[in-house]
C-alpha atoms as a PDB file:
ATOM      1  CA  MET A   1     120.319 215.786  90.354  1.00  0.00           C
ATOM      2  CA  ASP A   2     116.558 215.239  90.154  1.00  0.00           C
ATOM      3  CA  VAL A   3     115.664 213.046  93.147  1.00  0.00           C
ATOM      4  CA  ARG A   4     113.074 211.287  91.003  1.00  0.00           C
ATOM      5  CA  ILE A   5     115.871 209.838  88.906  1.00  0.00           C
ATOM      6  CA  GLU A   6     118.042 208.803  91.867  1.00  0.00           C
ATOM      7  CA  LEU A   7     116.440 205.365  91.861  1.00  0.00           C
ATOM      8  CA  ARG A   8     117.997 202.954  89.391  1.00  0.00           C
ATOM      9  CA  ILE A   9     115.616 203.111  86.433  1.00  0.00           C
ATOM     10  CA  MET A  10     115.093 200.067  84.264  1.00  0.00           C
ATOM     11  CA  LYS A  11     115.562 200.824  80.561  1.00  0.00           C
ATOM     12  CA  ASN A  12     113.177 200.200  77.655  1.00  0.00           C
ATOM     13  CA  HIS A  13     109.689 198.739  78.128  1.00  0.00           C
ATOM     14  CA  HIS A  14     109.189 197.290  81.558  1.00  0.00           C
ATOM     15  CA  LEU A  15     106.189 195.188  82.565  1.00  0.00           C
ATOM     16  CA  SER A  16     105.244 195.354  86.224  1.00  0.00           C
ATOM     17  CA  VAL A  17     102.842 192.687  87.543  1.00  0.00           C
ATOM     18  CA  TYR A  18     101.303 193.079  90.996  1.00  0.00           C
ATOM     19  CA  PHE A  19      99.551 190.045  92.500  1.00  0.00           C
ATOM     20  CA  ASP A  20      97.242 191.829  94.931  1.00  0.00           C
ATOM     21  CA  GLU A  21      94.790 189.884  97.100  1.00  0.00           C
ATOM     22  CA  GLU A  22      91.867 191.344  95.133  1.00  0.00           C
ATOM     23  CA  ARG A  23      93.125 191.228  91.527  1.00  0.00           C
ATOM     24  CA  ILE A  24      96.247 191.190  89.368  1.00  0.00           C
ATOM     25  CA  TYR A  25      97.372 194.680  88.345  1.00  0.00           C
ATOM     26  CA  ILE A  26      99.573 195.191  85.299  1.00  0.00           C
ATOM     27  CA  ALA A  27     101.419 198.294  84.125  1.00  0.00           C
ATOM     28  CA  LEU A  28     103.756 198.823  81.168  1.00  0.00           C
ATOM     29  CA  LEU A  29     106.235 201.652  81.621  1.00  0.00           C
ATOM     30  CA  LYS A  30     109.364 203.110  80.121  1.00  0.00           C
ATOM     31  CA  LYS A  31     111.756 205.972  80.688  1.00  0.00           C
ATOM     32  CA  GLY A  32     110.477 208.904  78.609  1.00  0.00           C
ATOM     33  CA  ILE A  33     111.936 212.289  77.725  1.00  0.00           C
ATOM     34  CA  LYS A  34     110.601 214.019  80.848  1.00  0.00           C
ATOM     35  CA  GLY A  35     110.632 211.064  83.225  1.00  0.00           C
ATOM     36  CA  ILE A  36     108.709 207.805  83.585  1.00  0.00           C
ATOM     37  CA  GLU A  37     105.957 207.198  81.039  1.00  0.00           C
ATOM     38  CA  LEU A  38     102.994 204.876  81.507  1.00  0.00           C
ATOM     39  CA  ILE A  39     102.442 203.113  78.178  1.00  0.00           C
ATOM     40  CA  ASP A  40      99.530 200.841  79.066  1.00  0.00           C
ATOM     41  CA  ILE A  41      97.652 199.491  82.055  1.00  0.00           C
ATOM     42  CA  ASP A  42      95.215 196.655  82.772  1.00  0.00           C
ATOM     43  CA  VAL A  43      93.753 194.494  85.521  1.00  0.00           C
ATOM     44  CA  THR A  44      92.193 191.054  85.870  1.00  0.00           C
ATOM     45  CA  ASP A  45      88.683 190.558  87.224  1.00  0.00           C
ATOM     46  CA  HIS A  46      89.808 187.785  89.592  1.00  0.00           C
ATOM     47  CA  PRO A  47      92.673 187.361  92.073  1.00  0.00           C
ATOM     48  CA  PHE A  48      95.289 184.632  92.043  1.00  0.00           C
ATOM     49  CA  SER A  49      95.746 182.925  95.404  1.00  0.00           C
ATOM     50  CA  PHE A  50      99.154 181.560  96.438  1.00  0.00           C
ATOM     51  CA  ILE A  51      97.754 180.395  99.777  1.00  0.00           C
ATOM     52  CA  ASP A  52      95.224 178.050  98.145  1.00  0.00           C
ATOM     53  CA  ILE A  53      96.632 177.096  94.768  1.00  0.00           C
ATOM     54  CA  ASP A  54      93.412 175.218  93.908  1.00  0.00           C
ATOM     55  CA  TYR A  55      91.290 178.285  94.659  1.00  0.00           C
ATOM     56  CA  LYS A  56      88.424 178.377  92.177  1.00  0.00           C
ATOM     57  CA  SER A  57      89.267 181.843  90.825  1.00  0.00           C
ATOM     58  CA  ASN A  58      92.868 180.917  89.958  1.00  0.00           C
ATOM     59  CA  LEU A  59      91.986 179.415  86.576  1.00  0.00           C
ATOM     60  CA  LEU A  60      89.984 182.522  85.717  1.00  0.00           C
ATOM     61  CA  ALA A  61      92.755 184.843  86.877  1.00  0.00           C
ATOM     62  CA  LYS A  62      95.346 182.908  84.867  1.00  0.00           C
ATOM     63  CA  SER A  63      93.186 183.032  81.733  1.00  0.00           C
ATOM     64  CA  GLU A  64      92.579 186.776  82.147  1.00  0.00           C
ATOM     65  CA  LEU A  65      96.267 187.447  82.717  1.00  0.00           C
ATOM     66  CA  ASN A  66      97.176 185.464  79.593  1.00  0.00           C
ATOM     67  CA  GLN A  67      94.727 187.541  77.569  1.00  0.00           C
ATOM     68  CA  ILE A  68      96.257 190.775  78.844  1.00  0.00           C
ATOM     69  CA  LEU A  69      99.800 189.552  78.171  1.00  0.00           C
ATOM     70  CA  SER A  70      98.748 188.568  74.635  1.00  0.00           C
ATOM     71  CA  GLU A  71      97.594 192.140  74.046  1.00  0.00           C
ATOM     72  CA  PHE A  72     100.872 193.475  75.464  1.00  0.00           C
ATOM     73  CA  GLU A  73     103.009 191.308  73.174  1.00  0.00           C
ATOM     74  CA  LYS A  74     102.861 194.082  70.564  1.00  0.00           C
ATOM     75  CA  TYR A  75     105.296 196.007  72.756  1.00  0.00           C
ATOM     76  CA  GLU A  76     108.989 195.222  73.019  1.00  0.00           C
ATOM     77  CA  ILE A  77     109.131 194.167  76.665  1.00  0.00           C
ATOM     78  CA  ASN A  78     112.690 193.932  77.925  1.00  0.00           C
ATOM     79  CA  ARG A  79     112.139 193.478  81.630  1.00  0.00           C
ATOM     80  CA  VAL A  80     109.492 192.086  83.965  1.00  0.00           C
ATOM     81  CA  SER A  81     109.089 192.702  87.689  1.00  0.00           C
ATOM     82  CA  ILE A  82     106.747 190.950  90.096  1.00  0.00           C
ATOM     83  CA  THR A  83     105.216 192.419  93.242  1.00  0.00           C
ATOM     84  CA  LEU A  84     103.748 190.146  95.887  1.00  0.00           C
ATOM     85  CA  PRO A  85     101.432 190.864  98.838  1.00  0.00           C
ATOM     86  CA  THR A  86     102.665 189.935 102.302  1.00  0.00           C
ATOM     87  CA  ASP A  87      99.803 187.579 103.204  1.00  0.00           C
ATOM     88  CA  ASN A  88     101.774 184.458 102.275  1.00  0.00           C
ATOM     89  CA  ILE A  89     105.282 185.746 103.021  1.00  0.00           C
ATOM     90  CA  LEU A  90     107.324 185.293 106.178  1.00  0.00           C
ATOM     91  CA  ILE A  91     108.602 188.641 107.448  1.00  0.00           C
ATOM     92  CA  SER A  92     110.844 188.573 110.496  1.00  0.00           C
ATOM     93  CA  GLN A  93     113.030 191.046 112.368  1.00  0.00           C
ATOM     94  CA  PHE A  94     116.061 190.250 114.480  1.00  0.00           C
ATOM     95  CA  PRO A  95     118.931 192.084 116.187  1.00  0.00           C
ATOM     96  CA  ALA A  96     122.352 191.986 114.602  1.00  0.00           C
ATOM     97  CA  HIS A  97     125.706 193.777 114.636  1.00  0.00           C
ATOM     98  CA  PRO A  98     127.330 196.071 112.029  1.00  0.00           C
ATOM     99  CA  ASN A  99     129.931 193.525 110.895  1.00  0.00           C
ATOM    100  CA  ILE A 100     127.634 190.532 110.544  1.00  0.00           C
ATOM    101  CA  SER A 101     128.875 187.971 108.023  1.00  0.00           C
ATOM    102  CA  GLU A 102     126.900 186.318 105.248  1.00  0.00           C
ATOM    103  CA  GLU A 103     127.135 182.988 107.046  1.00  0.00           C
ATOM    104  CA  GLU A 104     125.719 184.520 110.228  1.00  0.00           C
ATOM    105  CA  LEU A 105     122.868 186.036 108.227  1.00  0.00           C
ATOM    106  CA  LYS A 106     122.058 182.716 106.597  1.00  0.00           C
ATOM    107  CA  SER A 107     122.071 181.055 109.994  1.00  0.00           C
ATOM    108  CA  LEU A 108     119.627 183.630 111.385  1.00  0.00           C
ATOM    109  CA  VAL A 109     117.314 183.287 108.391  1.00  0.00           C
ATOM    110  CA  ASP A 110     117.472 179.490 108.602  1.00  0.00           C
ATOM    111  CA  PHE A 111     116.479 179.698 112.274  1.00  0.00           C
ATOM    112  CA  GLU A 112     113.447 181.859 111.386  1.00  0.00           C
ATOM    113  CA  ILE A 113     112.385 179.417 108.667  1.00  0.00           C
ATOM    114  CA  LYS A 114     112.675 176.386 110.955  1.00  0.00           C
ATOM    115  CA  ASN A 115     110.635 178.150 113.630  1.00  0.00           C
ATOM    116  CA  SER A 116     107.804 178.995 111.252  1.00  0.00           C
ATOM    117  CA  TYR A 117     107.974 176.134 108.751  1.00  0.00           C
ATOM    118  CA  PRO A 118     109.665 173.137 110.424  1.00  0.00           C
ATOM    119  CA  GLN A 119     108.705 170.911 107.486  1.00  0.00           C
ATOM    120  CA  PHE A 120     110.839 172.990 105.097  1.00  0.00           C
ATOM    121  CA  THR A 121     114.513 173.880 104.768  1.00  0.00           C
ATOM    122  CA  TYR A 122     116.446 177.028 103.906  1.00  0.00           C
ATOM    123  CA  ASP A 123     116.741 175.834 100.284  1.00  0.00           C
ATOM    124  CA  ASP A 124     112.962 176.009  99.830  1.00  0.00           C
ATOM    125  CA  PHE A 125     112.947 179.799 100.104  1.00  0.00           C
ATOM    126  CA  ASN A 126     114.261 182.967  98.515  1.00  0.00           C
ATOM    127  CA  SER A 127     115.403 185.349 101.248  1.00  0.00           C
ATOM    128  CA  ASN A 128     116.124 189.072 101.165  1.00  0.00           C
ATOM    129  CA  VAL A 129     117.501 190.764 104.279  1.00  0.00           C
ATOM    130  CA  TYR A 130     117.138 194.535 104.725  1.00  0.00           C
ATOM    131  CA  LEU A 131     118.835 196.968 107.054  1.00  0.00           C
ATOM    132  CA  ILE A 132     116.536 198.890 109.392  1.00  0.00           C
ATOM    133  CA  LYS A 133     117.829 202.355 110.275  1.00  0.00           C
ATOM    134  CA  PRO A 134     119.807 201.996 113.516  1.00  0.00           C
ATOM    135  CA  THR A 135     118.338 203.763 116.567  1.00  0.00           C
ATOM    136  CA  ASP A 136     119.997 204.158 119.969  1.00  0.00           C
ATOM    137  CA  SER A 137     122.992 202.209 118.631  1.00  0.00           C
ATOM    138  CA  LYS A 138     120.743 199.192 118.074  1.00  0.00           C
ATOM    139  CA  TYR A 139     121.366 197.361 114.798  1.00  0.00           C
ATOM    140  CA  LYS A 140     118.376 195.464 113.393  1.00  0.00           C
ATOM    141  CA  LEU A 141     117.631 193.523 110.219  1.00  0.00           C
ATOM    142  CA  LEU A 142     114.402 192.540 108.510  1.00  0.00           C
ATOM    143  CA  ALA A 143     114.101 189.316 106.517  1.00  0.00           C
ATOM    144  CA  VAL A 144     111.569 188.822 103.722  1.00  0.00           C
ATOM    145  CA  ILE A 145     111.321 185.090 103.089  1.00  0.00           C
ATOM    146  CA  ILE A 146     109.403 183.925 100.013  1.00  0.00           C
ATOM    147  CA  SER A 147     108.645 180.364  98.990  1.00  0.00           C
ATOM    148  CA  LYS A 148     110.539 179.352  95.856  1.00  0.00           C
ATOM    149  CA  LYS A 149     107.448 177.405  94.846  1.00  0.00           C
ATOM    150  CA  ASP A 150     105.465 180.658  94.749  1.00  0.00           C
ATOM    151  CA  LEU A 151     108.210 182.342  92.735  1.00  0.00           C
ATOM    152  CA  GLU A 152     108.129 179.545  90.177  1.00  0.00           C
ATOM    153  CA  ILE A 153     104.341 179.888  89.938  1.00  0.00           C
ATOM    154  CA  CYS A 154     104.762 183.622  89.248  1.00  0.00           C
ATOM    155  CA  LYS A 155     107.324 183.000  86.540  1.00  0.00           C
ATOM    156  CA  ASP A 156     105.095 180.356  84.966  1.00  0.00           C
ATOM    157  CA  LEU A 157     102.147 182.773  84.901  1.00  0.00           C
ATOM    158  CA  ILE A 158     104.089 185.273  82.776  1.00  0.00           C
ATOM    159  CA  SER A 159     106.170 182.704  80.847  1.00  0.00           C
ATOM    160  CA  LYS A 160     104.486 183.397  77.518  1.00  0.00           C
ATOM    161  CA  LEU A 161     106.435 186.673  77.310  1.00  0.00           C
ATOM    162  CA  ASN A 162     109.752 184.798  77.193  1.00  0.00           C
ATOM    163  CA  THR A 163     111.226 187.655  79.191  1.00  0.00           C
ATOM    164  CA  PRO A 164     113.216 187.044  82.383  1.00  0.00           C
ATOM    165  CA  VAL A 165     111.882 188.301  85.691  1.00  0.00           C
ATOM    166  CA  ASP A 166     114.251 191.077  86.693  1.00  0.00           C
ATOM    167  CA  ASN A 167     113.026 191.799  90.200  1.00  0.00           C
ATOM    168  CA  ILE A 168     110.659 190.358  92.800  1.00  0.00           C
ATOM    169  CA  GLU A 169     109.639 192.535  95.726  1.00  0.00           C
ATOM    170  CA  ILE A 170     106.907 192.859  98.348  1.00  0.00           C
ATOM    171  CA  SER A 171     104.135 195.402  97.903  1.00  0.00           C
ATOM    172  CA  GLN A 172     105.122 197.676 100.787  1.00  0.00           C
ATOM    173  CA  PHE A 173     108.669 198.228  99.569  1.00  0.00           C
ATOM    174  CA  ASN A 174     107.605 198.870  95.977  1.00  0.00           C
ATOM    175  CA  ALA A 175     105.089 201.409  97.298  1.00  0.00           C
ATOM    176  CA  HIS A 176     108.076 203.177  98.883  1.00  0.00           C
ATOM    177  CA  ASN A 177     109.706 203.312  95.432  1.00  0.00           C
ATOM    178  CA  SER A 178     106.561 204.869  93.997  1.00  0.00           C
ATOM    179  CA  TYR A 179     106.510 207.456  96.776  1.00  0.00           C
ATOM    180  CA  ILE A 180     110.170 208.432  96.252  1.00  0.00           C
ATOM    181  CA  TYR A 181     109.555 209.107  92.576  1.00  0.00           C
ATOM    182  CA  ASN A 182     106.164 210.788  92.868  1.00  0.00           C
ATOM    183  CA  TYR A 183     106.801 212.981  95.922  1.00  0.00           C
ATOM    184  CA  PRO A 184     110.312 214.445  95.551  1.00  0.00           C
ATOM    185  CA  ASP A 185     109.218 217.391  97.707  1.00  0.00           C
ATOM    186  CA  LYS A 186     108.726 215.078 100.704  1.00  0.00           C
ATOM    187  CA  ASN A 187     111.690 212.723 100.349  1.00  0.00           C
ATOM    188  CA  TRP A 188     113.482 214.011 103.441  1.00  0.00           C
ATOM    189  CA  GLU A 189     110.513 213.953 105.790  1.00  0.00           C
ATOM    190  CA  VAL A 190     109.474 211.331 108.338  1.00  0.00           C
ATOM    191  CA  ILE A 191     106.689 209.518 106.483  1.00  0.00           C
ATOM    192  CA  ALA A 192     104.308 206.759 107.596  1.00  0.00           C
ATOM    193  CA  PHE A 193     102.692 204.334 105.135  1.00  0.00           C
ATOM    194  CA  PHE A 194      99.642 202.149 105.705  1.00  0.00           C
ATOM    195  CA  ASN A 195      98.804 199.516 103.095  1.00  0.00           C
ATOM    196  CA  ILE A 196      95.178 198.571 103.756  1.00  0.00           C
ATOM    197  CA  SER A 197      94.817 195.328 101.810  1.00  0.00           C
ATOM    198  CA  GLY A 198      93.997 191.690 102.420  1.00  0.00           C
ATOM    199  CA  ASN A 199      93.772 190.460 105.992  1.00  0.00           C
ATOM    200  CA  PHE A 200      96.451 192.772 107.378  1.00  0.00           C
ATOM    201  CA  ILE A 201      97.609 196.366 107.338  1.00  0.00           C
ATOM    202  CA  ASP A 202     101.288 196.818 106.486  1.00  0.00           C
ATOM    203  CA  PHE A 203     102.755 199.747 108.436  1.00  0.00           C
ATOM    204  CA  THR A 204     106.132 201.306 107.679  1.00  0.00           C
ATOM    205  CA  ILE A 205     107.979 204.503 108.497  1.00  0.00           C
ATOM    206  CA  LEU A 206     110.669 206.090 106.342  1.00  0.00           C
ATOM    207  CA  PHE A 207     113.141 208.490 107.937  1.00  0.00           C
ATOM    208  CA  GLU A 208     114.968 210.443 105.207  1.00  0.00           C
ATOM    209  CA  LYS A 209     114.248 207.583 102.767  1.00  0.00           C
ATOM    210  CA  GLU A 210     115.624 204.923 105.133  1.00  0.00           C
ATOM    211  CA  LEU A 211     113.450 202.191 106.635  1.00  0.00           C
ATOM    212  CA  LEU A 212     112.868 202.998 110.299  1.00  0.00           C
ATOM    213  CA  HIS A 213     109.950 200.702 111.101  1.00  0.00           C
ATOM    214  CA  TYR A 214     108.006 197.766 109.678  1.00  0.00           C
ATOM    215  CA  SER A 215     105.095 195.981 111.297  1.00  0.00           C
ATOM    216  CA  ILE A 216     101.962 194.120 110.262  1.00  0.00           C
ATOM    217  CA  ILE A 217      98.685 194.952 111.985  1.00  0.00           C
ATOM    218  CA  ALA A 218      95.559 192.804 112.031  1.00  0.00           C
ATOM    219  CA  THR A 219      92.769 194.549 110.139  1.00  0.00           C
ATOM    220  CA  SER A 220      89.329 195.270 111.577  1.00  0.00           C
ATOM    221  CA  THR A 221      85.962 196.746 110.627  1.00  0.00           C
ATOM    222  CA  ASP A 222      85.978 200.023 108.690  1.00  0.00           C
ATOM    223  CA  PRO A 223      84.851 202.206 111.665  1.00  0.00           C
ATOM    224  CA  GLU A 224      87.776 200.935 113.768  1.00  0.00           C
ATOM    225  CA  ILE A 225      90.596 201.245 111.236  1.00  0.00           C
ATOM    226  CA  SER A 226      91.311 204.964 111.701  1.00  0.00           C
ATOM    227  CA  PHE A 227      91.754 204.368 115.451  1.00  0.00           C
ATOM    228  CA  ILE A 228      94.072 201.417 114.762  1.00  0.00           C
ATOM    229  CA  LEU A 229      96.196 203.651 112.532  1.00  0.00           C
ATOM    230  CA  ASP A 230      96.238 206.378 115.159  1.00  0.00           C
ATOM    231  CA  GLU A 231      97.401 203.967 117.851  1.00  0.00           C
ATOM    232  CA  ALA A 232     100.204 202.737 115.574  1.00  0.00           C
ATOM    233  CA  ILE A 233     101.360 206.310 114.980  1.00  0.00           C
ATOM    234  CA  MET A 234     101.265 207.208 118.684  1.00  0.00           C
ATOM    235  CA  ASN A 235     103.235 204.108 119.677  1.00  0.00           C
ATOM    236  CA  SER A 236     105.858 204.718 116.987  1.00  0.00           C
ATOM    237  CA  THR A 237     106.232 208.375 117.940  1.00  0.00           C
ATOM    238  CA  LEU A 238     107.048 207.339 121.490  1.00  0.00           C
ATOM    239  CA  LYS A 239     109.263 204.402 120.489  1.00  0.00           C
ATOM    240  CA  TYR A 240     111.471 206.302 118.049  1.00  0.00           C
ATOM    241  CA  ASN A 241     111.109 209.827 119.467  1.00  0.00           C
ATOM    242  CA  VAL A 242     110.210 211.242 116.047  1.00  0.00           C
ATOM    243  CA  LYS A 243     107.435 213.419 114.719  1.00  0.00           C
ATOM    244  CA  ILE A 244     105.526 211.872 111.808  1.00  0.00           C
ATOM    245  CA  GLU A 245     105.163 214.670 109.260  1.00  0.00           C
ATOM    246  CA  SER A 246     102.964 212.954 106.688  1.00  0.00           C
ATOM    247  CA  ILE A 247     100.885 209.788 106.402  1.00  0.00           C
ATOM    248  CA  PHE A 248     100.085 208.012 103.139  1.00  0.00           C
ATOM    249  CA  LEU A 249      97.279 205.484 102.816  1.00  0.00           C
ATOM    250  CA  PHE A 250      96.918 203.037  99.939  1.00  0.00           C
ATOM    251  CA  GLY A 251      95.652 199.567  99.140  1.00  0.00           C
ATOM    252  CA  SER A 252      92.711 197.718  97.635  1.00  0.00           C
ATOM    253  CA  LYS A 253      90.617 197.939 100.820  1.00  0.00           C
ATOM    254  CA  LEU A 254      91.103 201.653 101.329  1.00  0.00           C
ATOM    255  CA  ASN A 255      87.693 203.229 100.748  1.00  0.00           C
ATOM    256  CA  LYS A 256      86.267 206.740 101.075  1.00  0.00           C
ATOM    257  CA  TYR A 257      84.961 206.156 104.596  1.00  0.00           C
ATOM    258  CA  ILE A 258      88.301 204.897 105.946  1.00  0.00           C
ATOM    259  CA  PHE A 259      90.189 207.708 104.236  1.00  0.00           C
ATOM    260  CA  ASP A 260      87.835 210.503 105.360  1.00  0.00           C
ATOM    261  CA  GLU A 261      87.793 209.280 108.976  1.00  0.00           C
ATOM    262  CA  SER A 262      91.578 208.900 109.051  1.00  0.00           C
ATOM    263  CA  LYS A 263      92.203 212.294 107.471  1.00  0.00           C
ATOM    264  CA  LYS A 264      89.842 213.955 109.965  1.00  0.00           C
ATOM    265  CA  LEU A 265      91.514 212.247 112.925  1.00  0.00           C
ATOM    266  CA  PHE A 266      95.078 213.066 111.856  1.00  0.00           C
ATOM    267  CA  SER A 267      94.241 216.610 110.729  1.00  0.00           C
ATOM    268  CA  ALA A 268      93.148 217.310 114.298  1.00  0.00           C
ATOM    269  CA  LYS A 269      96.703 216.381 115.319  1.00  0.00           C
ATOM    270  CA  SER A 270      98.284 218.520 112.567  1.00  0.00           C
ATOM    271  CA  ILE A 271      99.526 215.490 110.637  1.00  0.00           C
ATOM    272  CA  ASP A 272      99.064 215.560 106.871  1.00  0.00           C
ATOM    273  CA  CYS A 273      97.169 212.468 105.635  1.00  0.00           C
ATOM    274  CA  ASN A 274      96.777 211.658 101.933  1.00  0.00           C
ATOM    275  CA  ARG A 275      96.117 208.849  99.501  1.00  0.00           C
ATOM    276  CA  LEU A 276      99.368 207.663  97.945  1.00  0.00           C
ATOM    277  CA  ASN A 277      99.014 208.604  94.275  1.00  0.00           C
ATOM    278  CA  ALA A 278     100.969 206.205  92.063  1.00  0.00           C
ATOM    279  CA  PHE A 279     100.600 208.467  89.008  1.00  0.00           C
ATOM    280  CA  ARG A 280     101.327 211.910  90.493  1.00  0.00           C
ATOM    281  CA  MET A 281     104.508 212.487  88.448  1.00  0.00           C
ATOM    282  CA  ILE A 282     104.010 209.842  85.750  1.00  0.00           C
ATOM    283  CA  GLU A 283     103.699 210.943  82.118  1.00  0.00           C
ATOM    284  CA  THR A 284     101.190 209.182  79.839  1.00  0.00           C
ATOM    285  CA  LYS A 285      99.497 209.362  76.448  1.00  0.00           C
ATOM    286  CA  LEU A 286      96.699 206.974  77.395  1.00  0.00           C
ATOM    287  CA  ASP A 287      93.165 207.756  76.225  1.00  0.00           C
ATOM    288  CA  ALA A 288      90.596 209.502  78.426  1.00  0.00           C
ATOM    289  CA  ARG A 289      88.979 206.260  79.617  1.00  0.00           C
ATOM    290  CA  LYS A 290      92.235 204.798  80.911  1.00  0.00           C
ATOM    291  CA  ARG A 291      93.280 208.140  82.416  1.00  0.00           C
ATOM    292  CA  GLU A 292      90.035 208.220  84.357  1.00  0.00           C
ATOM    293  CA  TYR A 293      90.696 204.664  85.530  1.00  0.00           C
ATOM    294  CA  CYS A 294      94.164 205.675  86.721  1.00  0.00           C
ATOM    295  CA  SER A 295      92.657 208.577  88.648  1.00  0.00           C
ATOM    296  CA  ARG A 296      90.197 206.291  90.457  1.00  0.00           C
ATOM    297  CA  MET A 297      92.758 203.553  91.137  1.00  0.00           C
ATOM    298  CA  ALA A 298      95.789 205.706  91.959  1.00  0.00           C
ATOM    299  CA  HIS A 299      95.804 204.501  95.583  1.00  0.00           C
ATOM    300  CA  ILE A 300      95.910 200.821  94.549  1.00  0.00           C
ATOM    301  CA  PHE A 301      98.725 201.010  91.997  1.00  0.00           C
ATOM    302  CA  PRO A 302     101.718 202.264  94.087  1.00  0.00           C
ATOM    303  CA  PRO A 303     103.202 198.742  94.481  1.00  0.00           C
ATOM    304  CA  CYS A 304     102.736 198.071  90.769  1.00  0.00           C
ATOM    305  CA  ILE A 305     104.272 201.362  89.591  1.00  0.00           C
ATOM    306  CA  GLY A 306     107.043 201.034  92.178  1.00  0.00           C
ATOM    307  CA  GLY A 307     108.015 197.739  90.563  1.00  0.00           C
ATOM    308  CA  PHE A 308     109.567 199.754  87.733  1.00  0.00           C
ATOM    309  CA  PHE A 309     112.455 200.633  90.039  1.00  0.00           C
ATOM    310  CA  GLN A 310     115.072 198.559  91.786  1.00  0.00           C
ATOM    311  CA  SER A 311     114.444 198.454  95.534  1.00  0.00           C
ATOM    312  CA  LEU A 312     115.102 201.659  97.426  1.00  0.00           C
ATOM    313  CA  HIS A 313     116.226 199.692 100.458  1.00  0.00           C
ATOM    314  CA  LYS A 314     119.658 198.151 100.807  1.00  0.00           C
ATOM    315  CA  LYS A 315     119.376 194.377 100.908  1.00  0.00           C
ATOM    316  CA  PHE A 316     121.399 191.222 101.139  1.00  0.00           C
ATOM    317  CA  LYS A 317     119.998 188.646  98.742  1.00  0.00           C
ATOM    318  CA  PHE A 318     120.176 184.911  99.312  1.00  0.00           C
ATOM    319  CA  TYR A 319     118.897 182.013  97.220  1.00  0.00           C
END
């Protein structure tokens, strides 16, 4: 079976909306004859902030998104997915045991919420809990805790489509989905991902498609970022006793300088370092102008394109 089709593919036209810290990215996709086909693509000029809902650019971003959605109404859109950045999301890891019950999980998540947001309760959040690949017989879980208020804002922003939101996921995990589809030749390697966006760098490692590591690193000036990435790789190599075979960089703040310096540093250590190309295996009939745009923005769109798929990672979902 083609590993690119192993992910559960959403049928018919699927609209994927990615609320990045810089802009809102939108892609319309469907399952074509040869694989996934990109039907249309667009982007707003302004970002939408969930941290400061009264942020001055929010009205502009909302207006621009409405205009794009109006243009997309000519398509029969059956499903919508939303991808969120991690800047305003609580991500927490905790030890567990293999036979943990749902009630125990809810109790652990509730404890994390009360520690971080004592003014709120469990019912104010949507929580997904993911299994991290066990190492040295240690069983660990990762909780992604999203404000229900933010989710309602997202749904309101795309409400004119009258199409239910099928899936909501964080940018790092949807980038993993994009990688699995676009790089079937590397699916069984030990791969590191750095999402260079916003105020933080999301760092994950996949071991044979399973989540081995997740951490968030404070960003820095461009000349220092390659060294920060290198330190993260060295620490993880020692911690997990694995050899990182490839590194993928992506995100709205990844520029030529950061990429060139990182590639040079990791090449000296015989580690392959590349931009994560969201469109590597995607079919399209878009015109030359939009194809050129996709080529330039391929390292920003992995979370958006990955939204086409259900999450690669096994999760327990709580509301």
